[in-house]
Amino acid sequence: MGCKILVTDLDGTLLDRSGSVSFANRQAIALAKDSGIEVVFATGRSWLECRSISQDVLGTGVVISAGGAALHDIESGRCEDRIVISQDLVSHCTESLIRHGHLAHLLKDSTQSGYDYLLVGDAQLDAASRWWFGVHPVITRSVAKLHDDAIERSVQLEHVLRVGTVAMASELSLVADAIRKEVPEQLAIKHWPALVALGTAGIDTHLLEIFDTNVDKWAMIQRLCKLRGVDEKDVVTIGDGLNDVGMLSGAANSFAVANADSSVAQRATHRAPDHDESAFAFVVSEVLRKR
């Protein structure tokens, strides 16, 4: 099993149910790095939302954030690569969410915009987002609507990595279907249970995420491979969720943790223990054993 880059998801994979990295997983990261393997985090979190854990656990290297929309250098925070949504599509999706009664969350490339989220609309911020923004030191700005002033509107629509919102699952299904009909094949639209407490996903509270159609964790891994001069067959991936399907399917060797949904797990070539049982450490041992 060739492995030069080992890519792991964070929530539900490397992190246990308390949101921590186990001692065994920390040791495994050190062992992998000592063995010449580059360990990369690939997460749905924004850069700022994963910066602290990336700097604490990895220290150096890069992290793939926002579901594959951005690649950041861990030490400097510099954005090495990104895929933003066109301004026209950002405007369309934002206004569609507002028409359906939701608050639009525009995730920005904070290295360019100077802040993390632009919240657009009159709807109240949901409880899950209030909790999440309280856990992480994100900077938000709020406006009732996208302003009519052309210059100001242009600035608001710049550097957007993701348009999203958080609401009841049944409501978001309708919104997602409506946007897909309005702009077919131009966007990548996903929604799944949101984290409503550290390490805990809500059953009814879902997160809707809208990206440029080219955004996927595996796509950014491929771009990283080109930067590193590494063959894609030498990448091993580990994950559990919907936004891990691409990298589990794309890698020659991939591991789905035991807590992954069956529809996700079937896309992986191998299985690993539950994320509460140091699944990452298991994968490292398997990779080194079969290397």
C-alpha atoms as a PDB file:
ATOM      1  CA  MET A   1       0.000   0.000   0.000  1.00  0.00           C
ATOM      2  CA  GLY A   2       1.802   3.075  -1.256  1.00  0.00           C
ATOM      3  CA  CYS A   3       1.325   6.191   0.881  1.00  0.00           C
ATOM      4  CA  LYS A   4       3.059   9.528   0.593  1.00  0.00           C
ATOM      5  CA  ILE A   5       0.073  11.654   1.663  1.00  0.00           C
ATOM      6  CA  LEU A   6      -2.429  10.520   4.304  1.00  0.00           C
ATOM      7  CA  VAL A   7      -5.592  12.634   4.306  1.00  0.00           C
ATOM      8  CA  THR A   8      -8.056  12.476   7.185  1.00  0.00           C
ATOM      9  CA  ASP A   9     -11.365  14.143   7.865  1.00  0.00           C
ATOM     10  CA  LEU A  10     -11.732  15.779  11.293  1.00  0.00           C
ATOM     11  CA  ASP A  11     -15.249  15.627  12.796  1.00  0.00           C
ATOM     12  CA  GLY A  12     -16.434  12.048  13.084  1.00  0.00           C
ATOM     13  CA  THR A  13     -13.076  10.655  11.949  1.00  0.00           C
ATOM     14  CA  LEU A  14      -9.901  11.926  13.620  1.00  0.00           C
ATOM     15  CA  LEU A  15     -11.816  13.645  16.426  1.00  0.00           C
ATOM     16  CA  ASP A  16     -13.665  11.552  18.996  1.00  0.00           C
ATOM     17  CA  ARG A  17     -17.152  12.339  20.258  1.00  0.00           C
ATOM     18  CA  SER A  18     -15.781  14.940  22.673  1.00  0.00           C
ATOM     19  CA  GLY A  19     -14.110  16.755  19.781  1.00  0.00           C
ATOM     20  CA  SER A  20     -10.617  15.725  20.924  1.00  0.00           C
ATOM     21  CA  VAL A  21      -7.655  13.947  19.320  1.00  0.00           C
ATOM     22  CA  SER A  22      -6.809  10.841  21.322  1.00  0.00           C
ATOM     23  CA  PHE A  23      -3.300  10.178  22.603  1.00  0.00           C
ATOM     24  CA  ALA A  24      -3.084   7.150  20.284  1.00  0.00           C
ATOM     25  CA  ASN A  25      -4.022   9.282  17.274  1.00  0.00           C
ATOM     26  CA  ARG A  26      -1.468  11.933  18.212  1.00  0.00           C
ATOM     27  CA  GLN A  27       1.202   9.262  18.462  1.00  0.00           C
ATOM     28  CA  ALA A  28       0.131   7.865  15.103  1.00  0.00           C
ATOM     29  CA  ILE A  29       0.427  11.284  13.460  1.00  0.00           C
ATOM     30  CA  ALA A  30       3.981  11.607  14.789  1.00  0.00           C
ATOM     31  CA  LEU A  31       4.815   8.083  13.620  1.00  0.00           C
ATOM     32  CA  ALA A  32       3.428   8.724  10.137  1.00  0.00           C
ATOM     33  CA  LYS A  33       5.400  11.950   9.796  1.00  0.00           C
ATOM     34  CA  ASP A  34       8.586  10.260  11.037  1.00  0.00           C
ATOM     35  CA  SER A  35       8.004   7.614   8.364  1.00  0.00           C
ATOM     36  CA  GLY A  36       7.978  10.249   5.631  1.00  0.00           C
ATOM     37  CA  ILE A  37       4.204  10.458   5.207  1.00  0.00           C
ATOM     38  CA  GLU A  38       2.602  13.886   4.960  1.00  0.00           C
ATOM     39  CA  VAL A  39      -0.549  14.027   7.094  1.00  0.00           C
ATOM     40  CA  VAL A  40      -3.220  16.418   5.802  1.00  0.00           C
ATOM     41  CA  PHE A  41      -6.524  17.391   7.400  1.00  0.00           C
ATOM     42  CA  ALA A  42      -9.480  17.728   5.007  1.00  0.00           C
ATOM     43  CA  THR A  43     -12.522  19.222   6.711  1.00  0.00           C
ATOM     44  CA  GLY A  44     -15.811  20.956   6.110  1.00  0.00           C
ATOM     45  CA  ARG A  45     -14.758  23.580   8.632  1.00  0.00           C
ATOM     46  CA  SER A  46     -13.460  26.944   7.509  1.00  0.00           C
ATOM     47  CA  TRP A  47      -9.758  27.728   7.960  1.00  0.00           C
ATOM     48  CA  LEU A  48     -10.337  29.697  11.157  1.00  0.00           C
ATOM     49  CA  GLU A  49     -12.567  26.929  12.529  1.00  0.00           C
ATOM     50  CA  CYS A  50      -9.802  24.344  12.082  1.00  0.00           C
ATOM     51  CA  ARG A  51      -6.722  26.539  12.561  1.00  0.00           C
ATOM     52  CA  SER A  52      -6.265  25.909  16.277  1.00  0.00           C
ATOM     53  CA  ILE A  53      -6.453  22.123  16.060  1.00  0.00           C
ATOM     54  CA  SER A  54      -4.291  22.067  12.912  1.00  0.00           C
ATOM     55  CA  GLN A  55      -1.561  24.117  14.555  1.00  0.00           C
ATOM     56  CA  ASP A  56      -1.784  22.133  17.789  1.00  0.00           C
ATOM     57  CA  VAL A  57      -1.825  18.636  16.272  1.00  0.00           C
ATOM     58  CA  LEU A  58       0.073  18.995  12.976  1.00  0.00           C
ATOM     59  CA  GLY A  59       2.052  22.183  13.516  1.00  0.00           C
ATOM     60  CA  THR A  60       3.247  22.399   9.919  1.00  0.00           C
ATOM     61  CA  GLY A  61       1.979  21.480   6.470  1.00  0.00           C
ATOM     62  CA  VAL A  62      -1.352  22.278   4.880  1.00  0.00           C
ATOM     63  CA  VAL A  63      -5.033  21.804   5.644  1.00  0.00           C
ATOM     64  CA  ILE A  64      -7.881  21.452   3.154  1.00  0.00           C
ATOM     65  CA  SER A  65     -10.832  23.443   4.490  1.00  0.00           C
ATOM     66  CA  ALA A  66     -14.429  24.351   3.582  1.00  0.00           C
ATOM     67  CA  GLY A  67     -15.111  20.933   2.064  1.00  0.00           C
ATOM     68  CA  GLY A  68     -12.305  21.289  -0.481  1.00  0.00           C
ATOM     69  CA  ALA A  69     -12.787  24.949  -1.397  1.00  0.00           C
ATOM     70  CA  ALA A  70      -9.500  26.130   0.129  1.00  0.00           C
ATOM     71  CA  LEU A  71      -5.958  25.015   0.927  1.00  0.00           C
ATOM     72  CA  HIS A  72      -4.107  26.803   3.736  1.00  0.00           C
ATOM     73  CA  ASP A  73      -0.564  26.756   5.031  1.00  0.00           C
ATOM     74  CA  ILE A  74      -0.859  25.868   8.711  1.00  0.00           C
ATOM     75  CA  GLU A  75       1.983  28.001  10.062  1.00  0.00           C
ATOM     76  CA  SER A  76       1.290  31.249   8.211  1.00  0.00           C
ATOM     77  CA  GLY A  77      -2.435  30.838   7.509  1.00  0.00           C
ATOM     78  CA  ARG A  78      -1.738  31.828   3.911  1.00  0.00           C
ATOM     79  CA  CYS A  79      -4.313  30.593   1.387  1.00  0.00           C
ATOM     80  CA  GLU A  80      -2.343  28.501  -1.115  1.00  0.00           C
ATOM     81  CA  ASP A  81      -5.273  27.602  -3.352  1.00  0.00           C
ATOM     82  CA  ARG A  82      -9.019  28.205  -3.451  1.00  0.00           C
ATOM     83  CA  ILE A  83     -12.170  27.776  -5.536  1.00  0.00           C
ATOM     84  CA  VAL A  84     -14.713  30.570  -5.076  1.00  0.00           C
ATOM     85  CA  ILE A  85     -18.302  30.838  -6.307  1.00  0.00           C
ATOM     86  CA  SER A  86     -18.996  33.324  -9.092  1.00  0.00           C
ATOM     87  CA  GLN A  87     -20.597  36.533  -7.893  1.00  0.00           C
ATOM     88  CA  ASP A  88     -23.719  35.965  -9.985  1.00  0.00           C
ATOM     89  CA  LEU A  89     -24.299  32.565  -8.395  1.00  0.00           C
ATOM     90  CA  VAL A  90     -23.583  33.893  -4.898  1.00  0.00           C
ATOM     91  CA  SER A  91     -26.206  36.583  -5.429  1.00  0.00           C
ATOM     92  CA  HIS A  92     -28.737  34.114  -6.818  1.00  0.00           C
ATOM     93  CA  CYS A  93     -28.326  31.591  -3.985  1.00  0.00           C
ATOM     94  CA  THR A  94     -28.351  34.265  -1.290  1.00  0.00           C
ATOM     95  CA  GLU A  95     -31.566  35.805  -2.566  1.00  0.00           C
ATOM     96  CA  SER A  96     -33.147  32.356  -2.950  1.00  0.00           C
ATOM     97  CA  LEU A  97     -32.380  31.478   0.671  1.00  0.00           C
ATOM     98  CA  ILE A  98     -33.846  34.780   1.848  1.00  0.00           C
ATOM     99  CA  ARG A  99     -37.001  34.262  -0.249  1.00  0.00           C
ATOM    100  CA  HIS A 100     -37.458  30.921   1.494  1.00  0.00           C
ATOM    101  CA  GLY A 101     -37.206  32.632   4.887  1.00  0.00           C
ATOM    102  CA  HIS A 102     -33.641  31.662   5.797  1.00  0.00           C
ATOM    103  CA  LEU A 103     -30.555  33.575   6.871  1.00  0.00           C
ATOM    104  CA  ALA A 104     -27.825  33.192   4.237  1.00  0.00           C
ATOM    105  CA  HIS A 105     -24.337  32.381   5.573  1.00  0.00           C
ATOM    106  CA  LEU A 106     -21.658  33.521   3.108  1.00  0.00           C
ATOM    107  CA  LEU A 107     -18.342  31.929   4.094  1.00  0.00           C
ATOM    108  CA  LYS A 108     -15.480  34.124   2.885  1.00  0.00           C
ATOM    109  CA  ASP A 109     -11.785  33.612   2.285  1.00  0.00           C
ATOM    110  CA  SER A 110     -10.909  35.568   5.415  1.00  0.00           C
ATOM    111  CA  THR A 111      -7.310  36.097   4.281  1.00  0.00           C
ATOM    112  CA  GLN A 112      -8.740  38.388   1.589  1.00  0.00           C
ATOM    113  CA  SER A 113     -11.988  39.708   3.084  1.00  0.00           C
ATOM    114  CA  GLY A 114     -10.776  40.301   6.653  1.00  0.00           C
ATOM    115  CA  TYR A 115     -13.762  38.475   8.151  1.00  0.00           C
ATOM    116  CA  ASP A 116     -15.247  34.975   8.018  1.00  0.00           C
ATOM    117  CA  TYR A 117     -19.002  35.129   7.476  1.00  0.00           C
ATOM    118  CA  LEU A 118     -21.379  37.625   5.929  1.00  0.00           C
ATOM    119  CA  LEU A 119     -24.866  36.887   7.288  1.00  0.00           C
ATOM    120  CA  VAL A 120     -27.572  38.180   4.955  1.00  0.00           C
ATOM    121  CA  GLY A 121     -31.285  38.467   5.734  1.00  0.00           C
ATOM    122  CA  ASP A 122     -33.760  39.294   8.486  1.00  0.00           C
ATOM    123  CA  ALA A 123     -34.135  35.763   9.858  1.00  0.00           C
ATOM    124  CA  GLN A 124     -32.721  34.965  13.288  1.00  0.00           C
ATOM    125  CA  LEU A 125     -29.429  33.131  13.605  1.00  0.00           C
ATOM    126  CA  ASP A 126     -30.224  29.535  14.563  1.00  0.00           C
ATOM    127  CA  ALA A 127     -29.138  28.031  17.890  1.00  0.00           C
ATOM    128  CA  ALA A 128     -26.615  25.623  16.310  1.00  0.00           C
ATOM    129  CA  SER A 129     -24.823  28.467  14.535  1.00  0.00           C
ATOM    130  CA  ARG A 130     -24.823  30.636  17.659  1.00  0.00           C
ATOM    131  CA  TRP A 131     -23.166  27.761  19.506  1.00  0.00           C
ATOM    132  CA  TRP A 132     -20.670  27.121  16.689  1.00  0.00           C
ATOM    133  CA  PHE A 133     -19.689  30.788  16.366  1.00  0.00           C
ATOM    134  CA  GLY A 134     -19.261  30.906  20.130  1.00  0.00           C
ATOM    135  CA  VAL A 135     -16.898  27.912  20.125  1.00  0.00           C
ATOM    136  CA  HIS A 136     -14.696  29.338  17.352  1.00  0.00           C
ATOM    137  CA  PRO A 137     -13.269  32.880  17.139  1.00  0.00           C
ATOM    138  CA  VAL A 138     -15.003  33.696  13.867  1.00  0.00           C
ATOM    139  CA  ILE A 139     -15.675  37.255  12.745  1.00  0.00           C
ATOM    140  CA  THR A 140     -19.131  37.867  11.295  1.00  0.00           C
ATOM    141  CA  ARG A 141     -20.836  40.791   9.608  1.00  0.00           C
ATOM    142  CA  SER A 142     -24.584  41.118   9.122  1.00  0.00           C
ATOM    143  CA  VAL A 143     -26.740  42.936   6.562  1.00  0.00           C
ATOM    144  CA  ALA A 144     -30.490  42.791   5.992  1.00  0.00           C
ATOM    145  CA  LYS A 145     -30.006  42.420   2.239  1.00  0.00           C
ATOM    146  CA  LEU A 146     -27.343  42.651  -0.423  1.00  0.00           C
ATOM    147  CA  HIS A 147     -26.999  46.379  -0.906  1.00  0.00           C
ATOM    148  CA  ASP A 148     -28.081  48.078  -4.099  1.00  0.00           C
ATOM    149  CA  ASP A 149     -24.907  50.142  -4.321  1.00  0.00           C
ATOM    150  CA  ALA A 150     -22.915  48.421  -7.096  1.00  0.00           C
ATOM    151  CA  ILE A 151     -19.492  48.803  -5.459  1.00  0.00           C
ATOM    152  CA  GLU A 152     -20.629  47.696  -2.020  1.00  0.00           C
ATOM    153  CA  ARG A 153     -22.603  44.783  -3.477  1.00  0.00           C
ATOM    154  CA  SER A 154     -19.533  43.664  -5.425  1.00  0.00           C
ATOM    155  CA  VAL A 155     -17.430  43.664  -2.261  1.00  0.00           C
ATOM    156  CA  GLN A 156     -20.037  41.605  -0.422  1.00  0.00           C
ATOM    157  CA  LEU A 157     -20.018  39.000  -3.173  1.00  0.00           C
ATOM    158  CA  GLU A 158     -16.231  38.708  -3.389  1.00  0.00           C
ATOM    159  CA  HIS A 159     -14.126  35.831  -2.004  1.00  0.00           C
ATOM    160  CA  VAL A 160     -17.120  33.581  -1.232  1.00  0.00           C
ATOM    161  CA  LEU A 161     -16.158  29.926  -0.751  1.00  0.00           C
ATOM    162  CA  ARG A 162     -19.573  28.676   0.322  1.00  0.00           C
ATOM    163  CA  VAL A 163     -23.172  29.867   0.620  1.00  0.00           C
ATOM    164  CA  GLY A 164     -25.196  28.081   3.253  1.00  0.00           C
ATOM    165  CA  THR A 165     -27.719  28.128   6.041  1.00  0.00           C
ATOM    166  CA  VAL A 166     -28.876  25.992   8.972  1.00  0.00           C
ATOM    167  CA  ALA A 167     -32.516  24.970   9.449  1.00  0.00           C
ATOM    168  CA  MET A 168     -34.852  22.016   9.785  1.00  0.00           C
ATOM    169  CA  ALA A 169     -33.999  19.171   7.424  1.00  0.00           C
ATOM    170  CA  SER A 170     -37.444  19.136   5.773  1.00  0.00           C
ATOM    171  CA  GLU A 171     -37.187  22.843   4.965  1.00  0.00           C
ATOM    172  CA  LEU A 172     -33.691  22.596   3.500  1.00  0.00           C
ATOM    173  CA  SER A 173     -34.658  19.729   1.216  1.00  0.00           C
ATOM    174  CA  LEU A 174     -37.206  22.007  -0.445  1.00  0.00           C
ATOM    175  CA  VAL A 175     -34.730  24.882  -0.740  1.00  0.00           C
ATOM    176  CA  ALA A 176     -31.999  22.639  -2.153  1.00  0.00           C
ATOM    177  CA  ASP A 177     -34.399  21.219  -4.748  1.00  0.00           C
ATOM    178  CA  ALA A 178     -35.522  24.700  -5.761  1.00  0.00           C
ATOM    179  CA  ILE A 179     -31.952  25.956  -6.248  1.00  0.00           C
ATOM    180  CA  ARG A 180     -30.982  22.827  -8.217  1.00  0.00           C
ATOM    181  CA  LYS A 181     -33.867  23.469 -10.628  1.00  0.00           C
ATOM    182  CA  GLU A 182     -32.937  27.121 -11.010  1.00  0.00           C
ATOM    183  CA  VAL A 183     -29.212  26.599 -11.651  1.00  0.00           C
ATOM    184  CA  PRO A 184     -28.728  22.975 -12.780  1.00  0.00           C
ATOM    185  CA  GLU A 185     -25.161  21.611 -12.893  1.00  0.00           C
ATOM    186  CA  GLN A 186     -23.566  24.921 -11.901  1.00  0.00           C
ATOM    187  CA  LEU A 187     -23.339  24.266  -8.177  1.00  0.00           C
ATOM    188  CA  ALA A 188     -22.467  21.514  -5.731  1.00  0.00           C
ATOM    189  CA  ILE A 189     -25.294  21.397  -3.177  1.00  0.00           C
ATOM    190  CA  LYS A 190     -25.206  19.222  -0.046  1.00  0.00           C
ATOM    191  CA  HIS A 191     -27.055  19.094   3.240  1.00  0.00           C
ATOM    192  CA  TRP A 192     -26.748  16.854   6.271  1.00  0.00           C
ATOM    193  CA  PRO A 193     -27.087  16.950  10.103  1.00  0.00           C
ATOM    194  CA  ALA A 194     -25.334  19.930  11.644  1.00  0.00           C
ATOM    195  CA  LEU A 195     -23.199  19.801  14.758  1.00  0.00           C
ATOM    196  CA  VAL A 196     -25.380  21.103  17.571  1.00  0.00           C
ATOM    197  CA  ALA A 197     -22.945  20.366  20.416  1.00  0.00           C
ATOM    198  CA  LEU A 198     -19.320  19.360  20.415  1.00  0.00           C
ATOM    199  CA  GLY A 199     -19.103  16.078  18.553  1.00  0.00           C
ATOM    200  CA  THR A 200     -22.901  15.695  18.376  1.00  0.00           C
ATOM    201  CA  ALA A 201     -24.921  15.935  15.152  1.00  0.00           C
ATOM    202  CA  GLY A 202     -28.503  17.127  15.190  1.00  0.00           C
ATOM    203  CA  ILE A 203     -31.154  14.770  13.820  1.00  0.00           C
ATOM    204  CA  ASP A 204     -33.515  17.484  12.561  1.00  0.00           C
ATOM    205  CA  THR A 205     -31.129  20.446  12.359  1.00  0.00           C
ATOM    206  CA  HIS A 206     -29.360  20.330   9.003  1.00  0.00           C
ATOM    207  CA  LEU A 207     -26.619  22.345   7.345  1.00  0.00           C
ATOM    208  CA  LEU A 208     -27.083  23.348   3.706  1.00  0.00           C
ATOM    209  CA  GLU A 209     -23.851  24.011   1.809  1.00  0.00           C
ATOM    210  CA  ILE A 210     -23.563  25.382  -1.719  1.00  0.00           C
ATOM    211  CA  PHE A 211     -20.199  25.429  -3.530  1.00  0.00           C
ATOM    212  CA  ASP A 212     -18.821  25.940  -7.000  1.00  0.00           C
ATOM    213  CA  THR A 213     -19.422  22.734  -8.937  1.00  0.00           C
ATOM    214  CA  ASN A 214     -15.672  21.948  -8.936  1.00  0.00           C
ATOM    215  CA  VAL A 215     -15.363  21.919  -5.140  1.00  0.00           C
ATOM    216  CA  ASP A 216     -14.709  18.554  -3.528  1.00  0.00           C
ATOM    217  CA  LYS A 217     -12.119  17.318  -1.061  1.00  0.00           C
ATOM    218  CA  TRP A 218     -10.731  14.891  -3.635  1.00  0.00           C
ATOM    219  CA  ALA A 219     -10.433  17.637  -6.255  1.00  0.00           C
ATOM    220  CA  MET A 220      -8.318  19.725  -3.872  1.00  0.00           C
ATOM    221  CA  ILE A 221      -6.251  16.645  -2.974  1.00  0.00           C
ATOM    222  CA  GLN A 222      -5.542  16.222  -6.698  1.00  0.00           C
ATOM    223  CA  ARG A 223      -4.421  19.843  -6.887  1.00  0.00           C
ATOM    224  CA  LEU A 224      -2.191  19.267  -3.860  1.00  0.00           C
ATOM    225  CA  CYS A 225      -0.673  16.189  -5.511  1.00  0.00           C
ATOM    226  CA  LYS A 226       0.307  18.334  -8.496  1.00  0.00           C
ATOM    227  CA  LEU A 227       1.917  20.883  -6.184  1.00  0.00           C
ATOM    228  CA  ARG A 228       3.829  18.143  -4.391  1.00  0.00           C
ATOM    229  CA  GLY A 229       4.677  16.095  -7.480  1.00  0.00           C
ATOM    230  CA  VAL A 230       2.999  13.067  -5.880  1.00  0.00           C
ATOM    231  CA  ASP A 231       1.136  10.379  -7.816  1.00  0.00           C
ATOM    232  CA  GLU A 232      -2.537  10.181  -6.786  1.00  0.00           C
ATOM    233  CA  LYS A 233      -2.177   6.435  -6.204  1.00  0.00           C
ATOM    234  CA  ASP A 234       0.102   7.256  -3.274  1.00  0.00           C
ATOM    235  CA  VAL A 235      -2.707   9.018  -1.388  1.00  0.00           C
ATOM    236  CA  VAL A 236      -4.649   7.252   1.384  1.00  0.00           C
ATOM    237  CA  THR A 237      -7.858   8.835   2.705  1.00  0.00           C
ATOM    238  CA  ILE A 238      -9.983   8.385   5.845  1.00  0.00           C
ATOM    239  CA  GLY A 239     -13.502   9.700   6.374  1.00  0.00           C
ATOM    240  CA  ASP A 240     -17.061   9.224   7.560  1.00  0.00           C
ATOM    241  CA  GLY A 241     -19.392  11.771   5.990  1.00  0.00           C
ATOM    242  CA  LEU A 242     -21.102  12.896   2.827  1.00  0.00           C
ATOM    243  CA  ASN A 243     -18.351  15.361   1.963  1.00  0.00           C
ATOM    244  CA  ASP A 244     -15.793  12.523   2.206  1.00  0.00           C
ATOM    245  CA  VAL A 245     -17.378  10.422  -0.558  1.00  0.00           C
ATOM    246  CA  GLY A 246     -15.210  11.951  -3.286  1.00  0.00           C
ATOM    247  CA  MET A 247     -11.917  11.292  -1.549  1.00  0.00           C
ATOM    248  CA  LEU A 248     -12.981   7.820  -0.387  1.00  0.00           C
ATOM    249  CA  SER A 249     -13.935   6.913  -3.959  1.00  0.00           C
ATOM    250  CA  GLY A 250     -10.989   8.654  -5.608  1.00  0.00           C
ATOM    251  CA  ALA A 251      -8.108   7.260  -3.573  1.00  0.00           C
ATOM    252  CA  ALA A 252      -6.619   3.896  -4.488  1.00  0.00           C
ATOM    253  CA  ASN A 253      -6.762   3.027  -0.792  1.00  0.00           C
ATOM    254  CA  SER A 254      -9.352   4.575   1.501  1.00  0.00           C
ATOM    255  CA  PHE A 255     -10.791   3.815   4.931  1.00  0.00           C
ATOM    256  CA  ALA A 256     -14.307   4.471   6.213  1.00  0.00           C
ATOM    257  CA  VAL A 257     -14.627   4.554   9.991  1.00  0.00           C
ATOM    258  CA  ALA A 258     -17.178   2.266  11.653  1.00  0.00           C
ATOM    259  CA  ASN A 259     -19.485   5.164  12.522  1.00  0.00           C
ATOM    260  CA  ALA A 260     -19.799   6.209   8.865  1.00  0.00           C
ATOM    261  CA  ASP A 261     -23.186   5.921   7.194  1.00  0.00           C
ATOM    262  CA  SER A 262     -23.427   2.738   5.126  1.00  0.00           C
ATOM    263  CA  SER A 263     -23.886   4.736   1.904  1.00  0.00           C
ATOM    264  CA  VAL A 264     -20.563   6.462   2.609  1.00  0.00           C
ATOM    265  CA  ALA A 265     -18.735   3.370   3.885  1.00  0.00           C
ATOM    266  CA  GLN A 266     -19.437   1.426   0.714  1.00  0.00           C
ATOM    267  CA  ARG A 267     -17.363   3.941  -1.276  1.00  0.00           C
ATOM    268  CA  ALA A 268     -14.191   3.083   0.675  1.00  0.00           C
ATOM    269  CA  THR A 269     -11.817   0.216  -0.073  1.00  0.00           C
ATOM    270  CA  HIS A 270     -11.202  -0.603   3.601  1.00  0.00           C
ATOM    271  CA  ARG A 271     -12.864  -0.263   7.003  1.00  0.00           C
ATOM    272  CA  ALA A 272     -11.525   1.199  10.252  1.00  0.00           C
ATOM    273  CA  PRO A 273     -12.803   1.198  13.851  1.00  0.00           C
ATOM    274  CA  ASP A 274     -15.178   3.807  15.291  1.00  0.00           C
ATOM    275  CA  HIS A 275     -13.762   7.320  15.639  1.00  0.00           C
ATOM    276  CA  ASP A 276     -14.051   6.899  19.404  1.00  0.00           C
ATOM    277  CA  GLU A 277     -11.614   3.982  19.141  1.00  0.00           C
ATOM    278  CA  SER A 278      -8.648   5.852  17.602  1.00  0.00           C
ATOM    279  CA  ALA A 279      -9.485   4.855  14.036  1.00  0.00           C
ATOM    280  CA  PHE A 280      -6.702   7.035  12.648  1.00  0.00           C
ATOM    281  CA  ALA A 281      -4.083   5.128  14.651  1.00  0.00           C
ATOM    282  CA  PHE A 282      -5.455   1.871  13.228  1.00  0.00           C
ATOM    283  CA  VAL A 283      -5.123   3.193   9.686  1.00  0.00           C
ATOM    284  CA  VAL A 284      -1.539   4.326  10.223  1.00  0.00           C
ATOM    285  CA  SER A 285      -0.618   0.882  11.547  1.00  0.00           C
ATOM    286  CA  GLU A 286      -2.238  -0.748   8.496  1.00  0.00           C
ATOM    287  CA  VAL A 287      -0.518   1.608   6.069  1.00  0.00           C
ATOM    288  CA  LEU A 288       2.921   1.045   7.604  1.00  0.00           C
ATOM    289  CA  ARG A 289       2.360  -2.713   7.818  1.00  0.00           C
ATOM    290  CA  LYS A 290       1.439  -2.985   4.137  1.00  0.00           C
ATOM    291  CA  ARG A 291       3.763  -0.294   2.834  1.00  0.00           C
END
